Amino acid sequence: MNTIPPARGVPVAADTVSQALSGVSQALKQPVHVAALLLLAVLAFELGRIAMEAWRRLRPGAPPLEQIAFRAMGDSAEAGALARWAPGPLAEQAVLGLAEAAHAGRNDGIENALADYELQIQRRLDRTRVLVRAGPAVGLMGTLIPLAPGLAALGSGNYSLLAGDLQVAFAATVIGILVGTGAFTLTLVRTRVYTEDLAALERAVAAREPRAPAHHRVVAAVGEHVA
Protein backbone atom coordinates (compact mmCIF):
# COMPACT_ATOMS: atom_id res chain seq x y z
CA MET A 1 0.00 0.00 0.00
CA ASN A 2 1.30 3.44 -0.93
CA THR A 3 1.49 5.97 1.90
CA ILE A 4 1.36 9.74 1.59
CA PRO A 5 4.54 11.31 2.97
CA PRO A 6 4.05 13.99 5.63
CA ALA A 7 3.99 17.58 4.49
CA ARG A 8 7.40 18.71 5.49
CA GLY A 9 6.70 22.36 4.64
CA VAL A 10 4.10 22.83 7.36
CA PRO A 11 6.48 22.85 10.35
CA VAL A 12 8.82 25.21 8.52
CA ALA A 13 5.99 27.59 7.73
CA ALA A 14 4.70 27.44 11.29
CA ASP A 15 8.18 28.15 12.61
CA THR A 16 8.49 31.12 10.25
CA VAL A 17 5.19 32.55 11.44
CA SER A 18 6.20 32.08 15.07
CA GLN A 19 9.50 33.84 14.49
CA ALA A 20 7.72 36.69 12.71
CA LEU A 21 5.27 37.13 15.58
CA SER A 22 8.11 37.00 18.10
CA GLY A 23 10.04 39.58 16.12
CA VAL A 24 7.07 41.95 15.95
CA SER A 25 6.51 41.52 19.68
CA GLN A 26 10.11 42.29 20.55
CA ALA A 27 10.13 45.26 18.18
CA LEU A 28 7.20 46.71 20.15
CA LYS A 29 8.93 46.31 23.51
CA GLN A 30 10.50 49.75 23.75
CA PRO A 31 7.63 51.66 22.04
CA VAL A 32 5.11 50.09 24.43
CA HIS A 33 7.16 51.02 27.50
CA VAL A 34 7.59 54.57 26.19
CA ALA A 35 3.84 54.73 25.55
CA ALA A 36 3.17 53.64 29.15
CA LEU A 37 5.34 56.46 30.45
CA LEU A 38 3.63 58.96 28.12
CA LEU A 39 0.20 57.88 29.36
CA LEU A 40 1.39 58.35 32.92
CA ALA A 41 2.62 61.84 32.01
CA VAL A 42 -0.72 62.69 30.40
CA LEU A 43 -2.55 61.52 33.52
CA ALA A 44 -0.29 63.71 35.68
CA PHE A 45 -1.02 66.66 33.39
CA GLU A 46 -4.79 66.10 33.62
CA LEU A 47 -4.56 65.79 37.41
CA GLY A 48 -2.75 69.12 37.49
CA ARG A 49 -5.49 70.72 35.41
CA ILE A 50 -8.26 69.50 37.66
CA ALA A 51 -6.26 70.64 40.69
CA MET A 52 -6.18 74.15 39.22
CA GLU A 53 -9.93 73.99 38.58
CA ALA A 54 -10.49 72.83 42.16
CA TRP A 55 -8.53 75.82 43.43
CA ARG A 56 -10.64 78.18 41.32
CA ARG A 57 -13.80 76.62 42.74
CA LEU A 58 -12.65 76.77 46.36
CA ARG A 59 -10.80 80.09 46.39
CA PRO A 60 -12.13 82.57 48.96
CA GLY A 61 -14.86 84.88 47.76
CA ALA A 62 -15.67 82.93 44.59
CA PRO A 63 -19.39 83.38 43.79
CA PRO A 64 -21.51 80.52 42.41
CA LEU A 65 -21.34 80.00 38.65
CA GLU A 66 -25.07 80.67 38.32
CA GLN A 67 -24.62 84.11 39.86
CA ILE A 68 -21.58 84.84 37.68
CA ALA A 69 -23.44 83.98 34.48
CA PHE A 70 -26.58 85.88 35.56
CA ARG A 71 -24.62 89.07 36.29
CA ALA A 72 -22.49 88.76 33.15
CA MET A 73 -25.56 88.42 30.94
CA GLY A 74 -26.99 91.58 32.49
CA ASP A 75 -23.80 93.67 32.26
CA SER A 76 -21.69 92.91 29.18
CA ALA A 77 -19.14 95.59 30.15
CA GLU A 78 -18.21 93.64 33.28
CA ALA A 79 -18.52 90.22 31.67
CA GLY A 80 -14.76 89.77 31.29
CA ALA A 81 -14.05 90.54 34.95
CA LEU A 82 -16.92 88.36 36.11
CA ALA A 83 -15.94 85.44 33.86
CA ARG A 84 -12.52 85.26 35.52
CA TRP A 85 -14.31 84.08 38.66
CA ALA A 86 -15.74 81.08 36.81
CA PRO A 87 -14.63 77.69 38.18
CA GLY A 88 -12.64 76.76 35.07
CA PRO A 89 -11.53 77.85 31.60
CA LEU A 90 -14.44 76.10 29.91
CA ALA A 91 -17.00 77.77 32.17
CA GLU A 92 -15.22 81.09 31.67
CA GLN A 93 -15.61 80.84 27.89
CA ALA A 94 -19.25 79.82 28.30
CA VAL A 95 -19.98 82.86 30.49
CA LEU A 96 -18.40 85.17 27.92
CA GLY A 97 -20.41 83.54 25.13
CA LEU A 98 -23.66 83.86 27.05
CA ALA A 99 -22.94 87.51 27.90
CA GLU A 100 -22.21 88.32 24.26
CA ALA A 101 -25.37 86.56 23.05
CA ALA A 102 -27.54 88.25 25.70
CA HIS A 103 -26.10 91.67 24.83
CA ALA A 104 -26.91 91.08 21.15
CA GLY A 105 -30.42 89.88 22.03
CA ARG A 106 -29.94 86.59 20.16
CA ASN A 107 -31.66 83.61 21.71
CA ASP A 108 -30.02 81.32 19.17
CA GLY A 109 -26.66 82.67 20.33
CA ILE A 110 -27.46 81.62 23.89
CA GLU A 111 -28.34 78.13 22.69
CA ASN A 112 -25.13 77.97 20.65
CA ALA A 113 -23.04 79.06 23.64
CA LEU A 114 -24.49 76.29 25.80
CA ALA A 115 -24.04 73.75 23.01
CA ASP A 116 -20.42 74.81 22.49
CA TYR A 117 -19.82 74.41 26.22
CA GLU A 118 -21.21 70.88 26.10
CA LEU A 119 -19.00 69.95 23.15
CA GLN A 120 -15.95 71.31 24.93
CA ILE A 121 -16.88 69.20 27.95
CA GLN A 122 -17.17 66.17 25.67
CA ARG A 123 -13.68 66.73 24.27
CA ARG A 124 -12.24 67.21 27.75
CA LEU A 125 -13.87 64.02 29.05
CA ASP A 126 -12.80 62.02 25.99
CA ARG A 127 -9.15 62.51 26.91
CA THR A 128 -9.46 60.69 30.20
CA ARG A 129 -11.90 58.14 28.76
CA VAL A 130 -9.16 57.13 26.33
CA LEU A 131 -6.76 56.76 29.24
CA VAL A 132 -9.24 54.49 31.04
CA ARG A 133 -8.98 51.97 28.19
CA ALA A 134 -5.48 52.64 26.88
CA GLY A 135 -3.71 52.51 30.25
CA PRO A 136 -4.53 48.87 31.15
CA ALA A 137 -4.12 47.77 27.50
CA VAL A 138 -0.63 49.25 27.22
CA GLY A 139 0.21 47.91 30.68
CA LEU A 140 -0.84 44.40 29.64
CA MET A 141 1.26 44.59 26.48
CA GLY A 142 4.20 45.85 28.50
CA THR A 143 3.75 42.88 30.83
CA LEU A 144 3.46 40.12 28.23
CA ILE A 145 6.23 41.23 25.86
CA PRO A 146 9.14 40.78 28.33
CA LEU A 147 7.81 37.41 29.48
CA ALA A 148 8.84 35.61 26.26
CA PRO A 149 12.59 36.28 26.59
CA GLY A 150 12.25 35.79 30.34
CA LEU A 151 10.87 32.28 29.88
CA ALA A 152 13.60 31.55 27.36
CA ALA A 153 16.17 32.67 29.93
CA LEU A 154 14.54 30.43 32.51
CA GLY A 155 14.94 27.46 30.17
CA SER A 156 18.64 28.20 29.77
CA GLY A 157 19.16 28.77 33.48
CA ASN A 158 19.84 32.51 33.19
CA TYR A 159 17.96 33.62 36.28
CA SER A 160 19.40 37.14 36.36
CA LEU A 161 17.94 37.89 32.90
CA LEU A 162 14.62 36.38 33.99
CA ALA A 163 14.57 38.58 37.09
CA GLY A 164 15.20 41.71 35.01
CA ASP A 165 12.43 40.87 32.54
CA LEU A 166 9.97 40.15 35.35
CA GLN A 167 10.83 43.46 37.00
CA VAL A 168 10.05 45.35 33.80
CA ALA A 169 6.86 43.35 33.25
CA PHE A 170 5.49 44.01 36.73
CA ALA A 171 6.40 47.70 36.51
CA ALA A 172 4.38 47.98 33.29
CA THR A 173 1.44 46.29 35.01
CA VAL A 174 1.53 48.76 37.88
CA ILE A 175 1.70 51.77 35.55
CA GLY A 176 -1.20 50.47 33.44
CA ILE A 177 -3.42 49.90 36.46
CA LEU A 178 -2.46 53.27 37.91
CA VAL A 179 -3.30 55.11 34.69
CA GLY A 180 -6.61 53.29 34.22
CA THR A 181 -7.75 53.77 37.82
CA GLY A 182 -6.67 57.39 38.00
CA ALA A 183 -8.28 58.24 34.67
CA PHE A 184 -11.53 56.52 35.66
CA THR A 185 -11.72 58.48 38.91
CA LEU A 186 -10.85 61.70 37.11
CA THR A 187 -13.56 61.10 34.51
CA LEU A 188 -16.22 60.50 37.17
CA VAL A 189 -15.27 63.67 39.07
CA ARG A 190 -15.21 65.80 35.93
CA THR A 191 -18.52 64.41 34.72
CA ARG A 192 -20.19 65.36 38.00
CA VAL A 193 -18.77 68.87 38.29
CA TYR A 194 -19.27 69.72 34.62
CA THR A 195 -22.86 68.53 34.77
CA GLU A 196 -23.43 70.77 37.79
CA ASP A 197 -21.82 73.70 35.93
CA LEU A 198 -24.06 73.15 32.91
CA ALA A 199 -27.15 73.06 35.12
CA ALA A 200 -26.03 76.33 36.76
CA LEU A 201 -25.62 78.00 33.37
CA GLU A 202 -29.06 76.78 32.29
CA ARG A 203 -30.63 78.19 35.46
CA ALA A 204 -28.91 81.53 34.88
CA VAL A 205 -30.24 81.66 31.31
CA ALA A 206 -33.75 80.79 32.48
CA ALA A 207 -33.66 83.53 35.12
CA ARG A 208 -32.15 86.25 32.90
CA GLU A 209 -33.82 85.38 29.60
CA PRO A 210 -37.17 83.71 30.41
CA ARG A 211 -38.25 83.99 26.77
CA ALA A 212 -35.26 82.01 25.55
CA PRO A 213 -36.14 78.47 24.41
CA ALA A 214 -35.25 75.63 26.72
CA HIS A 215 -31.80 74.25 26.06
CA HIS A 216 -31.69 70.76 24.55
CA ARG A 217 -28.55 69.06 25.73
CA VAL A 218 -26.24 67.39 23.27
CA VAL A 219 -26.66 63.62 23.54
CA ALA A 220 -24.00 61.95 25.74
CA ALA A 221 -22.11 65.22 26.20
CA VAL A 222 -22.29 65.03 29.98
CA GLY A 223 -23.66 62.62 32.50
CA GLU A 224 -22.58 59.53 30.57
CA HIS A 225 -21.34 56.68 32.72
CA VAL A 226 -17.99 55.22 31.77
CA ALA A 227 -18.41 51.58 30.77
C-alpha atoms as a PDB file:
ATOM      1  CA  MET A   1       0.000   0.000   0.000  1.00  0.00           C
ATOM      2  CA  ASN A   2       1.299   3.441  -0.927  1.00  0.00           C
ATOM      3  CA  THR A   3       1.489   5.973   1.904  1.00  0.00           C
ATOM      4  CA  ILE A   4       1.360   9.736   1.592  1.00  0.00           C
ATOM      5  CA  PRO A   5       4.537  11.310   2.975  1.00  0.00           C
ATOM      6  CA  PRO A   6       4.051  13.986   5.630  1.00  0.00           C
ATOM      7  CA  ALA A   7       3.986  17.576   4.489  1.00  0.00           C
ATOM      8  CA  ARG A   8       7.404  18.714   5.487  1.00  0.00           C
ATOM      9  CA  GLY A   9       6.701  22.357   4.642  1.00  0.00           C
ATOM     10  CA  VAL A  10       4.102  22.830   7.363  1.00  0.00           C
ATOM     11  CA  PRO A  11       6.481  22.848  10.350  1.00  0.00           C
ATOM     12  CA  VAL A  12       8.823  25.213   8.518  1.00  0.00           C
ATOM     13  CA  ALA A  13       5.987  27.587   7.731  1.00  0.00           C
ATOM     14  CA  ALA A  14       4.698  27.444  11.288  1.00  0.00           C
ATOM     15  CA  ASP A  15       8.183  28.152  12.610  1.00  0.00           C
ATOM     16  CA  THR A  16       8.485  31.122  10.254  1.00  0.00           C
ATOM     17  CA  VAL A  17       5.193  32.549  11.445  1.00  0.00           C
ATOM     18  CA  SER A  18       6.199  32.080  15.075  1.00  0.00           C
ATOM     19  CA  GLN A  19       9.497  33.835  14.487  1.00  0.00           C
ATOM     20  CA  ALA A  20       7.716  36.686  12.708  1.00  0.00           C
ATOM     21  CA  LEU A  21       5.273  37.131  15.584  1.00  0.00           C
ATOM     22  CA  SER A  22       8.106  37.001  18.096  1.00  0.00           C
ATOM     23  CA  GLY A  23      10.044  39.579  16.115  1.00  0.00           C
ATOM     24  CA  VAL A  24       7.075  41.945  15.954  1.00  0.00           C
ATOM     25  CA  SER A  25       6.508  41.520  19.678  1.00  0.00           C
ATOM     26  CA  GLN A  26      10.108  42.285  20.550  1.00  0.00           C
ATOM     27  CA  ALA A  27      10.130  45.261  18.181  1.00  0.00           C
ATOM     28  CA  LEU A  28       7.201  46.709  20.151  1.00  0.00           C
ATOM     29  CA  LYS A  29       8.930  46.313  23.510  1.00  0.00           C
ATOM     30  CA  GLN A  30      10.503  49.755  23.745  1.00  0.00           C
ATOM     31  CA  PRO A  31       7.634  51.661  22.043  1.00  0.00           C
ATOM     32  CA  VAL A  32       5.108  50.094  24.434  1.00  0.00           C
ATOM     33  CA  HIS A  33       7.155  51.016  27.495  1.00  0.00           C
ATOM     34  CA  VAL A  34       7.594  54.567  26.193  1.00  0.00           C
ATOM     35  CA  ALA A  35       3.836  54.730  25.554  1.00  0.00           C
ATOM     36  CA  ALA A  36       3.165  53.641  29.147  1.00  0.00           C
ATOM     37  CA  LEU A  37       5.345  56.463  30.455  1.00  0.00           C
ATOM     38  CA  LEU A  38       3.632  58.955  28.123  1.00  0.00           C
ATOM     39  CA  LEU A  39       0.196  57.878  29.356  1.00  0.00           C
ATOM     40  CA  LEU A  40       1.395  58.347  32.924  1.00  0.00           C
ATOM     41  CA  ALA A  41       2.618  61.839  32.015  1.00  0.00           C
ATOM     42  CA  VAL A  42      -0.725  62.693  30.398  1.00  0.00           C
ATOM     43  CA  LEU A  43      -2.547  61.524  33.522  1.00  0.00           C
ATOM     44  CA  ALA A  44      -0.291  63.705  35.682  1.00  0.00           C
ATOM     45  CA  PHE A  45      -1.023  66.660  33.392  1.00  0.00           C
ATOM     46  CA  GLU A  46      -4.786  66.102  33.624  1.00  0.00           C
ATOM     47  CA  LEU A  47      -4.557  65.794  37.407  1.00  0.00           C
ATOM     48  CA  GLY A  48      -2.747  69.117  37.487  1.00  0.00           C
ATOM     49  CA  ARG A  49      -5.494  70.722  35.411  1.00  0.00           C
ATOM     50  CA  ILE A  50      -8.262  69.496  37.663  1.00  0.00           C
ATOM     51  CA  ALA A  51      -6.261  70.644  40.692  1.00  0.00           C
ATOM     52  CA  MET A  52      -6.176  74.154  39.219  1.00  0.00           C
ATOM     53  CA  GLU A  53      -9.931  73.988  38.580  1.00  0.00           C
ATOM     54  CA  ALA A  54     -10.488  72.834  42.161  1.00  0.00           C
ATOM     55  CA  TRP A  55      -8.530  75.825  43.434  1.00  0.00           C
ATOM     56  CA  ARG A  56     -10.641  78.179  41.319  1.00  0.00           C
ATOM     57  CA  ARG A  57     -13.804  76.620  42.737  1.00  0.00           C
ATOM     58  CA  LEU A  58     -12.651  76.770  46.355  1.00  0.00           C
ATOM     59  CA  ARG A  59     -10.798  80.089  46.392  1.00  0.00           C
ATOM     60  CA  PRO A  60     -12.128  82.574  48.958  1.00  0.00           C
ATOM     61  CA  GLY A  61     -14.863  84.885  47.757  1.00  0.00           C
ATOM     62  CA  ALA A  62     -15.669  82.925  44.595  1.00  0.00           C
ATOM     63  CA  PRO A  63     -19.390  83.379  43.792  1.00  0.00           C
ATOM     64  CA  PRO A  64     -21.509  80.522  42.409  1.00  0.00           C
ATOM     65  CA  LEU A  65     -21.342  80.000  38.652  1.00  0.00           C
ATOM     66  CA  GLU A  66     -25.066  80.674  38.316  1.00  0.00           C
ATOM     67  CA  GLN A  67     -24.621  84.113  39.858  1.00  0.00           C
ATOM     68  CA  ILE A  68     -21.584  84.838  37.681  1.00  0.00           C
ATOM     69  CA  ALA A  69     -23.440  83.983  34.477  1.00  0.00           C
ATOM     70  CA  PHE A  70     -26.577  85.885  35.563  1.00  0.00           C
ATOM     71  CA  ARG A  71     -24.621  89.071  36.295  1.00  0.00           C
ATOM     72  CA  ALA A  72     -22.485  88.757  33.149  1.00  0.00           C
ATOM     73  CA  MET A  73     -25.563  88.423  30.937  1.00  0.00           C
ATOM     74  CA  GLY A  74     -26.985  91.583  32.492  1.00  0.00           C
ATOM     75  CA  ASP A  75     -23.797  93.674  32.258  1.00  0.00           C
ATOM     76  CA  SER A  76     -21.692  92.906  29.181  1.00  0.00           C
ATOM     77  CA  ALA A  77     -19.138  95.585  30.148  1.00  0.00           C
ATOM     78  CA  GLU A  78     -18.210  93.641  33.281  1.00  0.00           C
ATOM     79  CA  ALA A  79     -18.522  90.220  31.666  1.00  0.00           C
ATOM     80  CA  GLY A  80     -14.760  89.772  31.295  1.00  0.00           C
ATOM     81  CA  ALA A  81     -14.049  90.537  34.947  1.00  0.00           C
ATOM     82  CA  LEU A  82     -16.920  88.362  36.109  1.00  0.00           C
ATOM     83  CA  ALA A  83     -15.938  85.443  33.858  1.00  0.00           C
ATOM     84  CA  ARG A  84     -12.517  85.262  35.522  1.00  0.00           C
ATOM     85  CA  TRP A  85     -14.315  84.076  38.662  1.00  0.00           C
ATOM     86  CA  ALA A  86     -15.737  81.083  36.807  1.00  0.00           C
ATOM     87  CA  PRO A  87     -14.631  77.687  38.182  1.00  0.00           C
ATOM     88  CA  GLY A  88     -12.644  76.761  35.069  1.00  0.00           C
ATOM     89  CA  PRO A  89     -11.526  77.853  31.598  1.00  0.00           C
ATOM     90  CA  LEU A  90     -14.440  76.096  29.910  1.00  0.00           C
ATOM     91  CA  ALA A  91     -17.000  77.766  32.170  1.00  0.00           C
ATOM     92  CA  GLU A  92     -15.220  81.093  31.674  1.00  0.00           C
ATOM     93  CA  GLN A  93     -15.606  80.836  27.895  1.00  0.00           C
ATOM     94  CA  ALA A  94     -19.255  79.823  28.300  1.00  0.00           C
ATOM     95  CA  VAL A  95     -19.981  82.863  30.491  1.00  0.00           C
ATOM     96  CA  LEU A  96     -18.403  85.172  27.921  1.00  0.00           C
ATOM     97  CA  GLY A  97     -20.410  83.539  25.128  1.00  0.00           C
ATOM     98  CA  LEU A  98     -23.658  83.864  27.052  1.00  0.00           C
ATOM     99  CA  ALA A  99     -22.943  87.509  27.898  1.00  0.00           C
ATOM    100  CA  GLU A 100     -22.210  88.316  24.255  1.00  0.00           C
ATOM    101  CA  ALA A 101     -25.372  86.559  23.048  1.00  0.00           C
ATOM    102  CA  ALA A 102     -27.535  88.255  25.702  1.00  0.00           C
ATOM    103  CA  HIS A 103     -26.103  91.671  24.834  1.00  0.00           C
ATOM    104  CA  ALA A 104     -26.911  91.079  21.151  1.00  0.00           C
ATOM    105  CA  GLY A 105     -30.416  89.882  22.026  1.00  0.00           C
ATOM    106  CA  ARG A 106     -29.943  86.595  20.156  1.00  0.00           C
ATOM    107  CA  ASN A 107     -31.662  83.607  21.707  1.00  0.00           C
ATOM    108  CA  ASP A 108     -30.025  81.325  19.173  1.00  0.00           C
ATOM    109  CA  GLY A 109     -26.657  82.673  20.328  1.00  0.00           C
ATOM    110  CA  ILE A 110     -27.464  81.620  23.892  1.00  0.00           C
ATOM    111  CA  GLU A 111     -28.340  78.134  22.692  1.00  0.00           C
ATOM    112  CA  ASN A 112     -25.129  77.972  20.649  1.00  0.00           C
ATOM    113  CA  ALA A 113     -23.041  79.063  23.639  1.00  0.00           C
ATOM    114  CA  LEU A 114     -24.486  76.295  25.797  1.00  0.00           C
ATOM    115  CA  ALA A 115     -24.039  73.749  23.010  1.00  0.00           C
ATOM    116  CA  ASP A 116     -20.420  74.814  22.492  1.00  0.00           C
ATOM    117  CA  TYR A 117     -19.824  74.414  26.221  1.00  0.00           C
ATOM    118  CA  GLU A 118     -21.208  70.881  26.103  1.00  0.00           C
ATOM    119  CA  LEU A 119     -19.002  69.948  23.153  1.00  0.00           C
ATOM    120  CA  GLN A 120     -15.946  71.311  24.930  1.00  0.00           C
ATOM    121  CA  ILE A 121     -16.882  69.204  27.946  1.00  0.00           C
ATOM    122  CA  GLN A 122     -17.168  66.175  25.675  1.00  0.00           C
ATOM    123  CA  ARG A 123     -13.681  66.731  24.269  1.00  0.00           C
ATOM    124  CA  ARG A 124     -12.236  67.210  27.750  1.00  0.00           C
ATOM    125  CA  LEU A 125     -13.866  64.022  29.046  1.00  0.00           C
ATOM    126  CA  ASP A 126     -12.804  62.018  25.991  1.00  0.00           C
ATOM    127  CA  ARG A 127      -9.152  62.506  26.913  1.00  0.00           C
ATOM    128  CA  THR A 128      -9.459  60.686  30.199  1.00  0.00           C
ATOM    129  CA  ARG A 129     -11.901  58.143  28.764  1.00  0.00           C
ATOM    130  CA  VAL A 130      -9.163  57.128  26.330  1.00  0.00           C
ATOM    131  CA  LEU A 131      -6.759  56.761  29.241  1.00  0.00           C
ATOM    132  CA  VAL A 132      -9.238  54.485  31.038  1.00  0.00           C
ATOM    133  CA  ARG A 133      -8.981  51.965  28.191  1.00  0.00           C
ATOM    134  CA  ALA A 134      -5.476  52.644  26.882  1.00  0.00           C
ATOM    135  CA  GLY A 135      -3.712  52.506  30.251  1.00  0.00           C
ATOM    136  CA  PRO A 136      -4.534  48.874  31.151  1.00  0.00           C
ATOM    137  CA  ALA A 137      -4.122  47.768  27.504  1.00  0.00           C
ATOM    138  CA  VAL A 138      -0.632  49.246  27.221  1.00  0.00           C
ATOM    139  CA  GLY A 139       0.211  47.912  30.682  1.00  0.00           C
ATOM    140  CA  LEU A 140      -0.837  44.400  29.644  1.00  0.00           C
ATOM    141  CA  MET A 141       1.260  44.592  26.480  1.00  0.00           C
ATOM    142  CA  GLY A 142       4.203  45.851  28.502  1.00  0.00           C
ATOM    143  CA  THR A 143       3.753  42.875  30.833  1.00  0.00           C
ATOM    144  CA  LEU A 144       3.465  40.123  28.228  1.00  0.00           C
ATOM    145  CA  ILE A 145       6.227  41.226  25.860  1.00  0.00           C
ATOM    146  CA  PRO A 146       9.138  40.777  28.334  1.00  0.00           C
ATOM    147  CA  LEU A 147       7.808  37.407  29.480  1.00  0.00           C
ATOM    148  CA  ALA A 148       8.840  35.607  26.262  1.00  0.00           C
ATOM    149  CA  PRO A 149      12.594  36.276  26.593  1.00  0.00           C
ATOM    150  CA  GLY A 150      12.250  35.793  30.339  1.00  0.00           C
ATOM    151  CA  LEU A 151      10.870  32.283  29.882  1.00  0.00           C
ATOM    152  CA  ALA A 152      13.601  31.548  27.362  1.00  0.00           C
ATOM    153  CA  ALA A 153      16.169  32.673  29.932  1.00  0.00           C
ATOM    154  CA  LEU A 154      14.537  30.427  32.508  1.00  0.00           C
ATOM    155  CA  GLY A 155      14.942  27.458  30.169  1.00  0.00           C
ATOM    156  CA  SER A 156      18.644  28.196  29.768  1.00  0.00           C
ATOM    157  CA  GLY A 157      19.159  28.770  33.479  1.00  0.00           C
ATOM    158  CA  ASN A 158      19.842  32.515  33.192  1.00  0.00           C
ATOM    159  CA  TYR A 159      17.957  33.624  36.282  1.00  0.00           C
ATOM    160  CA  SER A 160      19.400  37.139  36.359  1.00  0.00           C
ATOM    161  CA  LEU A 161      17.943  37.888  32.904  1.00  0.00           C
ATOM    162  CA  LEU A 162      14.622  36.384  33.992  1.00  0.00           C
ATOM    163  CA  ALA A 163      14.574  38.583  37.093  1.00  0.00           C
ATOM    164  CA  GLY A 164      15.201  41.708  35.008  1.00  0.00           C
ATOM    165  CA  ASP A 165      12.429  40.868  32.536  1.00  0.00           C
ATOM    166  CA  LEU A 166       9.972  40.153  35.345  1.00  0.00           C
ATOM    167  CA  GLN A 167      10.828  43.460  37.004  1.00  0.00           C
ATOM    168  CA  VAL A 168      10.053  45.355  33.800  1.00  0.00           C
ATOM    169  CA  ALA A 169       6.863  43.345  33.248  1.00  0.00           C
ATOM    170  CA  PHE A 170       5.494  44.009  36.735  1.00  0.00           C
ATOM    171  CA  ALA A 171       6.397  47.697  36.507  1.00  0.00           C
ATOM    172  CA  ALA A 172       4.376  47.981  33.287  1.00  0.00           C
ATOM    173  CA  THR A 173       1.436  46.294  35.009  1.00  0.00           C
ATOM    174  CA  VAL A 174       1.534  48.765  37.885  1.00  0.00           C
ATOM    175  CA  ILE A 175       1.695  51.766  35.551  1.00  0.00           C
ATOM    176  CA  GLY A 176      -1.198  50.471  33.441  1.00  0.00           C
ATOM    177  CA  ILE A 177      -3.424  49.898  36.462  1.00  0.00           C
ATOM    178  CA  LEU A 178      -2.463  53.274  37.914  1.00  0.00           C
ATOM    179  CA  VAL A 179      -3.304  55.113  34.694  1.00  0.00           C
ATOM    180  CA  GLY A 180      -6.608  53.290  34.223  1.00  0.00           C
ATOM    181  CA  THR A 181      -7.755  53.766  37.818  1.00  0.00           C
ATOM    182  CA  GLY A 182      -6.672  57.394  37.999  1.00  0.00           C
ATOM    183  CA  ALA A 183      -8.285  58.241  34.673  1.00  0.00           C
ATOM    184  CA  PHE A 184     -11.526  56.518  35.659  1.00  0.00           C
ATOM    185  CA  THR A 185     -11.721  58.484  38.913  1.00  0.00           C
ATOM    186  CA  LEU A 186     -10.854  61.705  37.114  1.00  0.00           C
ATOM    187  CA  THR A 187     -13.562  61.099  34.515  1.00  0.00           C
ATOM    188  CA  LEU A 188     -16.215  60.503  37.170  1.00  0.00           C
ATOM    189  CA  VAL A 189     -15.267  63.670  39.071  1.00  0.00           C
ATOM    190  CA  ARG A 190     -15.215  65.798  35.934  1.00  0.00           C
ATOM    191  CA  THR A 191     -18.525  64.410  34.722  1.00  0.00           C
ATOM    192  CA  ARG A 192     -20.190  65.358  37.995  1.00  0.00           C
ATOM    193  CA  VAL A 193     -18.773  68.869  38.294  1.00  0.00           C
ATOM    194  CA  TYR A 194     -19.266  69.719  34.623  1.00  0.00           C
ATOM    195  CA  THR A 195     -22.864  68.527  34.774  1.00  0.00           C
ATOM    196  CA  GLU A 196     -23.425  70.774  37.793  1.00  0.00           C
ATOM    197  CA  ASP A 197     -21.825  73.697  35.928  1.00  0.00           C
ATOM    198  CA  LEU A 198     -24.057  73.147  32.906  1.00  0.00           C
ATOM    199  CA  ALA A 199     -27.147  73.060  35.120  1.00  0.00           C
ATOM    200  CA  ALA A 200     -26.031  76.328  36.761  1.00  0.00           C
ATOM    201  CA  LEU A 201     -25.620  78.001  33.370  1.00  0.00           C
ATOM    202  CA  GLU A 202     -29.065  76.780  32.289  1.00  0.00           C
ATOM    203  CA  ARG A 203     -30.632  78.188  35.460  1.00  0.00           C
ATOM    204  CA  ALA A 204     -28.912  81.527  34.878  1.00  0.00           C
ATOM    205  CA  VAL A 205     -30.242  81.660  31.313  1.00  0.00           C
ATOM    206  CA  ALA A 206     -33.754  80.787  32.479  1.00  0.00           C
ATOM    207  CA  ALA A 207     -33.657  83.525  35.125  1.00  0.00           C
ATOM    208  CA  ARG A 208     -32.149  86.248  32.903  1.00  0.00           C
ATOM    209  CA  GLU A 209     -33.823  85.377  29.603  1.00  0.00           C
ATOM    210  CA  PRO A 210     -37.166  83.714  30.414  1.00  0.00           C
ATOM    211  CA  ARG A 211     -38.246  83.988  26.771  1.00  0.00           C
ATOM    212  CA  ALA A 212     -35.265  82.009  25.547  1.00  0.00           C
ATOM    213  CA  PRO A 213     -36.143  78.473  24.406  1.00  0.00           C
ATOM    214  CA  ALA A 214     -35.253  75.626  26.719  1.00  0.00           C
ATOM    215  CA  HIS A 215     -31.803  74.245  26.059  1.00  0.00           C
ATOM    216  CA  HIS A 216     -31.695  70.763  24.547  1.00  0.00           C
ATOM    217  CA  ARG A 217     -28.548  69.062  25.726  1.00  0.00           C
ATOM    218  CA  VAL A 218     -26.238  67.391  23.271  1.00  0.00           C
ATOM    219  CA  VAL A 219     -26.659  63.622  23.541  1.00  0.00           C
ATOM    220  CA  ALA A 220     -24.004  61.952  25.742  1.00  0.00           C
ATOM    221  CA  ALA A 221     -22.108  65.220  26.196  1.00  0.00           C
ATOM    222  CA  VAL A 222     -22.289  65.025  29.978  1.00  0.00           C
ATOM    223  CA  GLY A 223     -23.656  62.624  32.499  1.00  0.00           C
ATOM    224  CA  GLU A 224     -22.585  59.534  30.575  1.00  0.00           C
ATOM    225  CA  HIS A 225     -21.345  56.684  32.715  1.00  0.00           C
ATOM    226  CA  VAL A 226     -17.992  55.217  31.768  1.00  0.00           C
ATOM    227  CA  ALA A 227     -18.413  51.581  30.767  1.00  0.00           C
END
